[in-house]
Amino acid sequence: MAGPLPVSPLAQPMPEVPPIAGVTLGVIEAGIRYKGRADLTMLEFAPGTTVAGVFTRNKCPGAPVDWCRAALKGGKARALVVNAGNANVFTGKAGREATAATAEAAAKLVGCKPREVFLASTGVIGETLPHERLTAALPALHAALAPDRWADAARGIMTTDTFPKAAVRTATIGDATVTIAGIAKGSGMIAPDMATMLSFLATDAKIPAAALQEMLSKGSARSFNCITVDSDTSTSDSVILFATGQAKHPRVPAEGGAILRDFARALDELLLDLALQVVRDGEGAQKLIRIDVTGAASAKSAHRIAMAIANSPLVKTAIAGEDANWGRIVMAVGKSGEQADRDKLGIAVGGTWMAREGGVVPGYDEAPVVAHMKGREVEITVDIGLGRGKARVWTCDLTHGYIDINGSYRS
């Protein structure tokens, strides 16, 4: 793309991320696609680090996703290598060779097995990754790793992102305090499952891989799989969590359990924080939209209805134009394929009920709705009126900026 994009009006300032014991990281310019910016990121982890991961359900995944799924079976990690600008997707044998060469080169530097090296790539699909540039840059990158370079790493993994994304939380395990930090990238091609993005998290806690995996899977379902920008599920989505085990706290059993209750709470908060930052950076986005569905036949049904609304180009463009066209929301509910009754349906925007029981609310005044839609954050509530199922998802509006960005993505 030609030149940096203007920062999203929904951007949030990046928090200061403290060092995580057992993690060093850094970035370097490898010239993979971009010129004049860091495009290669590496993290090294202390021996004994456990790992969990959640990946895209796209049926055409990138070679790094295949590599990580296989590596995850070992439950251990010593390094992560991420490149921006080339997704290494739909590259066949060359893609597999690139992942193997990268993992082997990183493993030699760290002193571990290649399967303890995790990989991620983001960028253009269908172009062979020039991994010789990547492996040539790794020695200098590894030599400069430091514990305080989270901000650099957050910027190094960006593609069409307009601001770096990071979050930090603390939790207690027994009477000890542990820290979780994470970074993410994502702006377009955002929809479950996963949510079209990359996210990497690390904690100093000592947690068995199985327990770590259960918490990450559940937390991702409530965060990254509840956001959408454009309904397009990426080929490269990866959320990977590393636990270095450097903190001193009571032993955590293999199955996790009650001792991890506060850790799970903190992890859920951090994942949702990062997920919402991704939506705030939706390509061309001007408004953050929260959609609450209640009264559905089941929670799963509510989620599907909410996502149908969130993914509707007509709903998203109406909000971009600040048009209180609630008929488009009715349409999206009806097209979801889920159980619904037009004569029991209720729709509100910004807390003002516009329609109930199949018609406009008597005396409905559009003025407060229009005023609400002029803000940066818009809230839509839909009551299906059939049961107790509920869900909450987030999206952004659809503007001409999305076309501008994606129409020139490879140029």
Protein backbone atom coordinates (compact mmCIF):
# COMPACT_ATOMS: atom_id res chain seq x y z
CA MET A 1 0.00 0.00 0.00
CA ALA A 2 1.15 3.53 -0.71
CA GLY A 3 2.02 5.38 2.49
CA PRO A 4 0.73 4.97 6.04
CA LEU A 5 -3.00 5.10 6.69
CA PRO A 6 -4.47 7.81 8.93
CA VAL A 7 -4.93 6.60 12.50
CA SER A 8 -8.44 5.32 13.23
CA PRO A 9 -10.63 7.86 15.08
CA LEU A 10 -11.52 4.97 17.40
CA ALA A 11 -7.89 4.28 18.33
CA GLN A 12 -6.84 3.80 21.93
CA PRO A 13 -3.41 4.72 23.30
CA MET A 14 -1.09 1.78 23.74
CA PRO A 15 -0.52 0.91 27.41
CA GLU A 16 2.96 0.51 28.79
CA VAL A 17 3.72 -3.22 28.77
CA PRO A 18 6.11 -4.31 31.53
CA PRO A 19 8.72 -7.01 31.01
CA ILE A 20 7.38 -10.54 31.51
CA ALA A 21 9.89 -12.79 33.29
CA GLY A 22 11.17 -15.38 30.85
CA VAL A 23 10.42 -13.37 27.69
CA THR A 24 12.77 -11.36 25.47
CA LEU A 25 11.65 -9.89 22.17
CA GLY A 26 12.55 -7.58 19.34
CA VAL A 27 12.05 -6.54 15.73
CA ILE A 28 14.17 -5.95 12.65
CA GLU A 29 13.79 -4.80 9.05
CA ALA A 30 14.18 -7.89 6.87
CA GLY A 31 12.87 -6.41 3.60
CA ILE A 32 10.28 -9.13 3.13
CA ARG A 33 7.80 -6.71 1.55
CA TYR A 34 7.93 -3.34 3.26
CA LYS A 35 10.74 -0.81 2.95
CA GLY A 36 11.87 1.40 5.79
CA ARG A 37 10.03 -0.41 8.58
CA ALA A 38 10.45 -3.42 10.84
CA ASP A 39 8.70 -6.48 9.42
CA LEU A 40 10.21 -9.37 11.37
CA THR A 41 9.45 -9.99 15.04
CA MET A 42 10.88 -12.60 17.40
CA LEU A 43 10.15 -13.66 20.96
CA GLU A 44 12.31 -16.04 22.96
CA PHE A 45 10.96 -17.90 26.00
CA ALA A 46 12.63 -19.50 29.01
CA PRO A 47 13.12 -23.28 29.00
CA GLY A 48 10.01 -25.08 30.27
CA THR A 49 7.56 -22.58 28.75
CA THR A 50 4.18 -24.14 28.01
CA VAL A 51 1.97 -23.07 25.13
CA ALA A 52 -1.66 -23.01 23.96
CA GLY A 53 -3.11 -21.89 20.65
CA VAL A 54 -6.35 -21.24 18.80
CA PHE A 55 -6.31 -20.98 15.02
CA THR A 56 -8.43 -20.12 12.01
CA ARG A 57 -11.14 -22.48 10.79
CA ASN A 58 -10.63 -21.30 7.23
CA LYS A 59 -10.25 -24.39 5.02
CA CYS A 60 -7.30 -22.81 3.15
CA PRO A 61 -4.96 -22.07 6.08
CA GLY A 62 -1.46 -20.73 5.69
CA ALA A 63 1.61 -22.91 6.09
CA PRO A 64 2.47 -21.30 9.48
CA VAL A 65 -0.94 -22.33 10.85
CA ASP A 66 -0.32 -25.94 9.81
CA TRP A 67 3.14 -25.76 11.41
CA CYS A 68 1.79 -24.39 14.70
CA ARG A 69 -1.03 -26.91 14.94
CA ALA A 70 1.53 -29.71 14.71
CA ALA A 71 3.96 -28.01 17.09
CA LEU A 72 1.20 -27.41 19.65
CA LYS A 73 0.97 -31.14 20.30
CA GLY A 74 4.28 -30.98 22.15
CA GLY A 75 2.96 -28.39 24.61
CA LYS A 76 6.33 -26.63 24.87
CA ALA A 77 7.71 -23.47 23.26
CA ARG A 78 11.04 -21.66 23.16
CA ALA A 79 10.51 -19.09 20.40
CA LEU A 80 8.03 -17.28 18.17
CA VAL A 81 8.88 -15.76 14.79
CA VAL A 82 6.40 -13.48 12.98
CA ASN A 83 6.75 -11.76 9.63
CA ALA A 84 4.53 -9.03 8.18
CA GLY A 85 3.84 -8.32 4.51
CA ASN A 86 3.58 -11.90 3.23
CA ALA A 87 1.02 -14.38 4.60
CA ASN A 88 2.74 -17.52 3.24
CA VAL A 89 -0.68 -18.82 2.20
CA PHE A 90 -1.52 -20.83 -0.91
CA THR A 91 2.20 -21.30 -1.55
CA GLY A 92 2.32 -25.12 -1.61
CA LYS A 93 5.64 -26.86 -1.16
CA ALA A 94 7.50 -23.53 -1.11
CA GLY A 95 5.38 -22.44 1.86
CA ARG A 96 6.14 -25.60 3.79
CA GLU A 97 9.84 -25.24 3.03
CA ALA A 98 9.74 -21.65 4.28
CA THR A 99 8.25 -22.64 7.63
CA ALA A 100 10.74 -25.48 8.10
CA ALA A 101 13.71 -23.28 7.20
CA THR A 102 12.56 -20.50 9.52
CA ALA A 103 11.95 -22.85 12.44
CA GLU A 104 15.27 -24.57 11.98
CA ALA A 105 17.18 -21.29 11.81
CA ALA A 106 15.47 -19.94 14.94
CA ALA A 107 15.93 -23.24 16.79
CA LYS A 108 19.70 -23.16 16.21
CA LEU A 109 19.91 -19.64 17.62
CA VAL A 110 17.82 -20.47 20.68
CA GLY A 111 19.16 -23.98 21.23
CA CYS A 112 15.94 -25.96 20.96
CA LYS A 113 14.04 -28.30 18.66
CA PRO A 114 12.40 -26.79 15.57
CA ARG A 115 9.00 -27.94 16.86
CA GLU A 116 9.46 -25.67 19.86
CA VAL A 117 9.49 -22.68 17.51
CA PHE A 118 6.09 -21.19 16.65
CA LEU A 119 5.50 -19.22 13.47
CA ALA A 120 3.03 -16.69 12.10
CA SER A 121 2.83 -14.70 8.89
CA THR A 122 0.50 -11.91 7.82
CA GLY A 123 0.11 -9.99 4.58
CA VAL A 124 -0.51 -10.77 0.93
CA ILE A 125 -1.84 -14.24 0.02
CA GLY A 126 -0.44 -16.32 -2.85
CA GLU A 127 3.09 -14.91 -3.01
CA THR A 128 6.09 -17.08 -2.15
CA LEU A 129 7.73 -16.00 1.10
CA PRO A 130 11.39 -15.04 0.48
CA HIS A 131 12.48 -16.92 3.57
CA GLU A 132 16.17 -16.50 2.78
CA ARG A 133 15.77 -12.82 3.70
CA LEU A 134 14.02 -13.84 6.88
CA THR A 135 16.61 -16.40 7.98
CA ALA A 136 19.46 -14.02 7.06
CA ALA A 137 17.99 -11.38 9.40
CA LEU A 138 17.40 -13.74 12.33
CA PRO A 139 20.92 -13.77 13.88
CA ALA A 140 21.04 -9.98 14.28
CA LEU A 141 17.45 -9.96 15.51
CA HIS A 142 18.13 -12.68 18.08
CA ALA A 143 21.25 -10.92 19.33
CA ALA A 144 19.27 -7.77 20.09
CA LEU A 145 16.31 -9.34 21.94
CA ALA A 146 15.42 -7.55 25.17
CA PRO A 147 12.62 -7.82 27.77
CA ASP A 148 11.27 -4.29 27.25
CA ARG A 149 10.43 -4.24 23.53
CA TRP A 150 6.72 -5.05 23.58
CA ALA A 151 5.83 -1.75 21.90
CA ASP A 152 8.24 -2.47 19.05
CA ALA A 153 6.79 -5.95 18.63
CA ALA A 154 3.22 -4.60 18.52
CA ARG A 155 4.23 -2.30 15.66
CA GLY A 156 6.33 -4.92 13.90
CA ILE A 157 3.39 -7.26 13.28
CA MET A 158 1.12 -4.58 11.77
CA THR A 159 -0.11 -4.59 8.14
CA THR A 160 -3.12 -2.32 7.43
CA ASP A 161 -3.42 -1.56 11.15
CA THR A 162 -3.34 2.15 11.96
CA PHE A 163 -2.29 1.80 15.59
CA PRO A 164 -0.41 -0.81 17.66
CA LYS A 165 -2.51 -2.96 19.98
CA ALA A 166 -1.51 -4.22 23.41
CA ALA A 167 -3.05 -5.04 26.77
CA VAL A 168 -1.86 -6.02 30.25
CA ARG A 169 -3.59 -7.64 33.21
CA THR A 170 -2.55 -9.06 36.58
CA ALA A 171 -4.06 -11.98 38.47
CA THR A 172 -3.50 -13.98 41.62
CA ILE A 173 -2.65 -17.66 41.83
CA GLY A 174 -2.78 -18.56 45.48
CA ASP A 175 -1.20 -15.59 47.25
CA ALA A 176 1.09 -14.71 44.35
CA THR A 177 0.56 -12.08 41.65
CA VAL A 178 1.22 -12.99 38.04
CA THR A 179 1.13 -10.84 34.90
CA ILE A 180 -0.33 -11.45 31.45
CA ALA A 181 0.63 -9.27 28.48
CA GLY A 182 -0.50 -9.47 24.89
CA ILE A 183 -0.27 -7.81 21.49
CA ALA A 184 -2.49 -8.15 18.45
CA LYS A 185 -2.77 -7.08 14.85
CA GLY A 186 -5.90 -6.96 12.75
CA SER A 187 -7.91 -4.46 10.78
CA GLY A 188 -9.60 -6.19 7.84
CA MET A 189 -10.60 -9.73 6.88
CA ILE A 190 -12.05 -9.96 10.39
CA ALA A 191 -14.69 -12.56 11.27
CA PRO A 192 -14.89 -15.75 13.31
CA ASP A 193 -13.39 -18.23 13.45
CA MET A 194 -10.85 -16.91 14.59
CA ALA A 195 -11.30 -13.26 13.84
CA THR A 196 -8.80 -12.60 11.17
CA MET A 197 -5.91 -11.45 13.17
CA LEU A 198 -2.78 -12.46 15.02
CA SER A 199 -2.42 -12.20 18.78
CA PHE A 200 0.44 -13.29 21.00
CA LEU A 201 0.26 -13.40 24.77
CA ALA A 202 2.72 -14.27 27.49
CA THR A 203 2.50 -14.78 31.23
CA ASP A 204 5.06 -15.50 33.92
CA ALA A 205 2.70 -18.05 35.49
CA LYS A 206 3.52 -21.76 35.56
CA ILE A 207 0.50 -23.47 34.02
CA PRO A 208 0.28 -26.92 32.38
CA ALA A 209 -0.42 -26.79 28.64
CA ALA A 210 -3.79 -28.57 28.92
CA ALA A 211 -5.15 -26.08 31.45
CA LEU A 212 -3.73 -23.19 29.45
CA GLN A 213 -5.43 -24.48 26.30
CA GLU A 214 -8.84 -24.80 27.96
CA MET A 215 -8.75 -21.22 29.23
CA LEU A 216 -7.54 -19.81 25.91
CA SER A 217 -10.19 -21.67 23.91
CA LYS A 218 -13.00 -20.50 26.18
CA GLY A 219 -11.70 -16.94 26.34
CA SER A 220 -11.29 -16.69 22.57
CA ALA A 221 -14.87 -17.88 22.06
CA ARG A 222 -16.07 -14.94 24.15
CA SER A 223 -13.83 -12.33 22.54
CA PHE A 224 -12.13 -12.85 19.20
CA ASN A 225 -15.03 -15.00 17.99
CA CYS A 226 -17.52 -12.26 18.90
CA ILE A 227 -16.10 -9.60 16.60
CA THR A 228 -16.41 -8.94 12.89
CA VAL A 229 -15.30 -6.19 10.54
CA ASP A 230 -16.23 -7.56 7.14
CA SER A 231 -17.40 -11.20 7.57
CA ASP A 232 -14.24 -12.53 5.89
CA THR A 233 -12.37 -15.19 7.86
CA SER A 234 -8.60 -15.01 7.39
CA THR A 235 -6.36 -17.86 6.35
CA SER A 236 -3.82 -16.94 9.03
CA ASP A 237 -5.68 -16.28 12.30
CA SER A 238 -3.64 -17.34 15.30
CA VAL A 239 -3.89 -16.64 19.01
CA ILE A 240 -0.98 -18.15 20.92
CA LEU A 241 -0.42 -17.98 24.68
CA PHE A 242 2.93 -18.74 26.29
CA ALA A 243 3.43 -19.41 30.02
CA THR A 244 7.08 -19.10 31.07
CA GLY A 245 6.69 -20.50 34.59
CA GLN A 246 9.02 -17.92 36.14
CA ALA A 247 6.61 -16.69 38.82
CA LYS A 248 6.56 -18.39 42.23
CA HIS A 249 3.06 -19.57 43.15
CA PRO A 250 1.29 -22.73 44.37
CA ARG A 251 1.40 -25.66 42.00
CA VAL A 252 -1.33 -25.74 39.36
CA PRO A 253 -2.75 -29.23 38.68
CA ALA A 254 -2.83 -30.51 35.10
CA GLU A 255 -6.56 -29.91 34.84
CA GLY A 256 -6.32 -26.37 36.22
CA GLY A 257 -9.37 -25.95 38.43
CA ALA A 258 -10.36 -23.37 41.03
CA ILE A 259 -6.81 -22.15 41.62
CA LEU A 260 -6.90 -20.57 38.14
CA ARG A 261 -10.24 -18.79 38.57
CA ASP A 262 -8.70 -15.32 38.85
CA PHE A 263 -6.20 -16.02 36.09
CA ALA A 264 -9.03 -17.02 33.77
CA ARG A 265 -10.83 -13.81 34.65
CA ALA A 266 -7.78 -11.71 33.80
CA LEU A 267 -7.14 -13.64 30.60
CA ASP A 268 -10.75 -13.14 29.47
CA GLU A 269 -10.47 -9.39 30.13
CA LEU A 270 -7.21 -9.14 28.19
CA LEU A 271 -8.54 -11.10 25.22
CA LEU A 272 -11.65 -8.93 25.00
CA ASP A 273 -9.55 -5.77 25.31
CA LEU A 274 -7.42 -6.84 22.33
CA ALA A 275 -10.43 -8.00 20.32
CA LEU A 276 -12.16 -4.65 20.72
CA GLN A 277 -8.99 -2.84 19.69
CA VAL A 278 -9.07 -4.85 16.47
CA VAL A 279 -12.65 -3.73 15.78
CA ARG A 280 -11.72 -0.14 16.61
CA ASP A 281 -9.12 -0.40 13.87
CA GLY A 282 -11.51 -1.88 11.32
CA GLU A 283 -10.50 -0.76 7.86
CA GLY A 284 -12.16 2.59 7.22
CA ALA A 285 -14.10 2.40 10.51
CA GLN A 286 -15.60 5.54 12.01
CA LYS A 287 -17.90 3.92 14.59
CA LEU A 288 -17.71 1.01 17.03
CA ILE A 289 -20.98 -0.93 17.18
CA ARG A 290 -22.13 -3.19 20.02
CA ILE A 291 -25.01 -5.54 19.31
CA ASP A 292 -26.94 -7.23 22.12
CA VAL A 293 -29.47 -9.94 21.30
CA THR A 294 -31.82 -11.20 24.03
CA GLY A 295 -34.84 -13.45 24.12
CA ALA A 296 -33.55 -15.91 21.52
CA ALA A 297 -34.34 -19.62 21.51
CA SER A 298 -30.79 -20.38 22.72
CA ALA A 299 -27.44 -18.69 23.29
CA LYS A 300 -26.13 -20.16 20.04
CA SER A 301 -29.14 -18.83 18.17
CA ALA A 302 -28.66 -15.39 19.73
CA HIS A 303 -25.02 -15.36 18.63
CA ARG A 304 -25.93 -16.24 15.05
CA ILE A 305 -28.58 -13.53 14.92
CA ALA A 306 -26.17 -10.98 16.37
CA MET A 307 -23.52 -11.89 13.81
CA ALA A 308 -26.05 -11.65 10.96
CA ILE A 309 -26.77 -8.08 12.06
CA ALA A 310 -23.09 -7.29 12.57
CA ASN A 311 -22.14 -8.61 9.12
CA SER A 312 -24.96 -6.93 7.20
CA PRO A 313 -23.54 -4.37 4.74
CA LEU A 314 -26.90 -2.57 4.81
CA VAL A 315 -26.89 -2.25 8.60
CA LYS A 316 -23.25 -1.17 8.63
CA THR A 317 -23.69 1.44 5.90
CA ALA A 318 -26.84 2.81 7.56
CA ILE A 319 -24.81 3.39 10.71
CA ALA A 320 -22.00 4.95 8.68
CA GLY A 321 -24.58 7.34 7.26
CA GLU A 322 -26.18 7.89 10.69
CA ASP A 323 -29.50 6.72 9.25
CA ALA A 324 -31.93 5.32 11.86
CA ASN A 325 -33.22 2.69 9.41
CA TRP A 326 -34.34 -0.03 11.81
CA GLY A 327 -35.91 -1.99 8.95
CA ARG A 328 -32.44 -3.13 7.98
CA ILE A 329 -31.99 -4.68 11.42
CA VAL A 330 -35.29 -6.54 11.01
CA MET A 331 -34.04 -7.82 7.66
CA ALA A 332 -30.80 -9.08 9.19
CA VAL A 333 -32.66 -10.94 11.96
CA GLY A 334 -34.86 -12.59 9.37
CA LYS A 335 -32.02 -13.69 7.12
CA SER A 336 -30.04 -15.30 9.95
CA GLY A 337 -31.94 -18.56 9.55
CA GLU A 338 -32.59 -18.65 13.28
CA GLN A 339 -35.96 -18.95 14.99
CA ALA A 340 -37.71 -15.56 15.09
CA ASP A 341 -41.25 -14.18 15.15
CA ARG A 342 -41.80 -10.84 13.47
CA ASP A 343 -44.70 -10.03 15.79
CA LYS A 344 -42.60 -10.52 18.94
CA LEU A 345 -39.51 -8.66 17.81
CA GLY A 346 -38.23 -5.53 19.57
CA ILE A 347 -35.44 -3.21 18.36
CA ALA A 348 -33.67 -0.40 20.20
CA VAL A 349 -30.77 1.87 19.29
CA GLY A 350 -28.96 3.79 22.00
CA GLY A 351 -31.53 2.65 24.58
CA THR A 352 -34.51 4.02 22.62
CA TRP A 353 -37.01 1.37 21.59
CA MET A 354 -38.00 1.94 17.98
CA ALA A 355 -40.10 -1.14 17.28
CA ARG A 356 -41.94 -3.72 19.37
CA GLU A 357 -44.29 -6.58 18.61
CA GLY A 358 -44.13 -6.22 14.86
CA GLY A 359 -44.50 -2.46 14.53
CA VAL A 360 -43.24 1.00 15.37
CA VAL A 361 -43.51 1.99 19.04
CA PRO A 362 -46.43 4.44 19.44
CA GLY A 363 -45.11 8.00 19.70
CA TYR A 364 -41.60 6.93 18.63
CA ASP A 365 -39.30 9.95 18.38
CA GLU A 366 -36.33 9.41 16.06
CA ALA A 367 -34.39 12.43 17.36
CA PRO A 368 -32.56 10.72 20.26
CA VAL A 369 -31.67 7.77 18.01
CA VAL A 370 -30.17 10.06 15.39
CA ALA A 371 -28.25 11.91 18.11
CA HIS A 372 -26.89 8.60 19.43
CA MET A 373 -25.82 7.49 15.96
CA LYS A 374 -23.76 10.64 15.50
CA GLY A 375 -21.43 9.42 18.24
CA ARG A 376 -18.39 7.19 17.83
CA GLU A 377 -20.00 4.24 19.65
CA VAL A 378 -23.41 2.87 18.68
CA GLU A 379 -25.45 0.34 20.67
CA ILE A 380 -28.10 -1.89 19.09
CA THR A 381 -30.40 -4.09 21.18
CA VAL A 382 -32.68 -6.74 19.68
CA ASP A 383 -35.21 -8.69 21.75
CA ILE A 384 -36.35 -11.80 19.88
CA GLY A 385 -39.11 -12.45 22.42
CA LEU A 386 -38.96 -16.25 22.29
CA GLY A 387 -36.67 -17.55 25.02
CA ARG A 388 -33.72 -16.81 27.30
CA GLY A 389 -30.84 -16.98 24.85
CA LYS A 390 -28.58 -13.94 24.71
CA ALA A 391 -25.34 -12.84 23.04
CA ARG A 392 -23.16 -9.79 22.58
CA VAL A 393 -20.95 -9.07 19.58
CA TRP A 394 -19.06 -6.09 18.21
CA THR A 395 -18.51 -4.70 14.72
CA CYS A 396 -17.81 -1.39 13.00
CA ASP A 397 -19.48 0.65 10.29
CA LEU A 398 -18.75 0.17 6.59
CA THR A 399 -17.40 3.26 4.86
CA HIS A 400 -15.80 4.12 1.53
CA GLY A 401 -12.49 3.92 3.35
CA TYR A 402 -12.80 0.13 3.41
CA ILE A 403 -12.97 0.11 -0.40
CA ASP A 404 -10.06 2.52 -0.71
CA ILE A 405 -7.83 0.39 1.52
CA ASN A 406 -8.66 -2.98 -0.01
CA GLY A 407 -8.82 -1.74 -3.60
CA SER A 408 -5.13 -0.80 -3.38
CA TYR A 409 -3.87 -3.43 -0.93
CA ARG A 410 -1.24 -4.98 -3.21
CA SER A 411 -0.09 -1.73 -4.83
